[in-house]
Amino acid sequence: MAQLQKRIRKIIQNPKAVDFANLQYVLIKLGCTERQPKSGGSHYIYKRKGDNFTISIPKKNPIKENYVKNVIELLGLEDY
């Protein structure tokens, strides 16, 4: 759990410099399921059961700030 909290804090502190692997780790640990793109697409889709959370994130490094801020807001990560 300490590693997850550390990654979340790092993402919140600098949303401009988040790589795909870190955001992917956080989303999966927080209960999201991942669907890989079909036929060469670059956007991964994350969903979480129990709430209305669905987000599409491109697999590029670094991830654009608006995608990261959407994840922070939708999952309520500001409290970490």
Protein backbone atom coordinates (compact mmCIF):
# COMPACT_ATOMS: atom_id res chain seq x y z
CA MET A 1 0.00 0.00 0.00
CA ALA A 2 2.91 2.35 0.68
CA GLN A 3 4.10 2.06 -2.91
CA LEU A 4 0.62 2.90 -4.22
CA GLN A 5 0.37 5.97 -1.99
CA LYS A 6 3.83 7.10 -3.05
CA ARG A 7 2.93 6.83 -6.73
CA ILE A 8 -0.38 8.65 -6.21
CA ARG A 9 1.38 11.52 -4.40
CA LYS A 10 3.95 11.76 -7.20
CA ILE A 11 1.16 11.89 -9.81
CA ILE A 12 -0.73 14.61 -7.91
CA GLN A 13 2.39 16.72 -7.33
CA ASN A 14 3.44 16.74 -10.98
CA PRO A 15 0.63 15.79 -13.39
CA LYS A 16 2.70 16.99 -16.38
CA ALA A 17 5.36 14.29 -16.00
CA VAL A 18 3.39 11.05 -15.53
CA ASP A 19 4.35 8.03 -17.56
CA PHE A 20 1.86 5.45 -18.73
CA ALA A 21 3.21 2.62 -16.55
CA ASN A 22 2.72 4.57 -13.30
CA LEU A 23 -0.82 5.63 -14.14
CA GLN A 24 -1.65 2.11 -15.30
CA TYR A 25 -0.35 0.68 -11.99
CA VAL A 26 -2.46 3.10 -9.93
CA LEU A 27 -5.64 2.50 -11.94
CA ILE A 28 -5.35 -1.29 -11.70
CA LYS A 29 -4.54 -1.21 -7.96
CA LEU A 30 -7.63 0.96 -7.39
CA GLY A 31 -9.87 -1.67 -8.92
CA CYS A 32 -10.09 -0.64 -12.56
CA THR A 33 -10.18 -3.16 -15.36
CA GLU A 34 -8.09 -2.51 -18.44
CA ARG A 35 -9.12 -3.11 -22.01
CA GLN A 36 -6.37 -2.97 -24.58
CA PRO A 37 -7.01 -1.42 -27.97
CA LYS A 38 -8.04 -3.62 -30.86
CA SER A 39 -6.42 -3.50 -34.28
CA GLY A 40 -3.57 -1.13 -33.58
CA GLY A 41 -5.26 1.58 -31.54
CA SER A 42 -3.28 3.45 -28.93
CA HIS A 43 -5.97 4.26 -26.33
CA TYR A 44 -6.45 1.95 -23.35
CA ILE A 45 -9.87 1.97 -21.69
CA TYR A 46 -10.23 1.70 -17.91
CA LYS A 47 -13.48 0.93 -16.11
CA ARG A 48 -14.35 0.37 -12.46
CA LYS A 49 -17.30 -1.64 -11.25
CA GLY A 50 -19.67 -0.10 -8.80
CA ASP A 51 -19.43 3.45 -10.06
CA ASN A 52 -19.69 5.28 -13.35
CA PHE A 53 -15.92 5.52 -13.96
CA THR A 54 -14.72 5.04 -17.54
CA ILE A 55 -11.71 6.75 -19.09
CA SER A 56 -9.69 6.32 -22.25
CA ILE A 57 -5.95 7.01 -22.01
CA PRO A 58 -3.41 6.99 -24.86
CA LYS A 59 -0.28 4.92 -24.35
CA LYS A 60 2.23 7.73 -24.75
CA ASN A 61 4.94 9.04 -22.47
CA PRO A 62 4.44 11.41 -20.81
CA ILE A 63 0.66 11.36 -20.65
CA LYS A 64 -0.96 14.72 -21.32
CA GLU A 65 -1.86 16.65 -18.20
CA ASN A 66 -5.60 16.78 -18.92
CA TYR A 67 -5.86 12.94 -18.87
CA VAL A 68 -4.02 12.78 -15.55
CA LYS A 69 -6.17 15.51 -14.00
CA ASN A 70 -9.32 13.69 -15.15
CA VAL A 71 -8.16 10.51 -13.40
CA ILE A 72 -7.33 12.45 -10.21
CA GLU A 73 -10.77 14.08 -10.22
CA LEU A 74 -12.84 11.03 -11.19
CA LEU A 75 -11.20 8.76 -8.60
CA GLY A 76 -11.04 11.42 -5.88
CA LEU A 77 -7.28 11.11 -5.45
CA GLU A 78 -6.87 14.65 -4.09
CA ASP A 79 -7.23 13.22 -0.57
CA TYR A 80 -4.11 11.05 -0.74
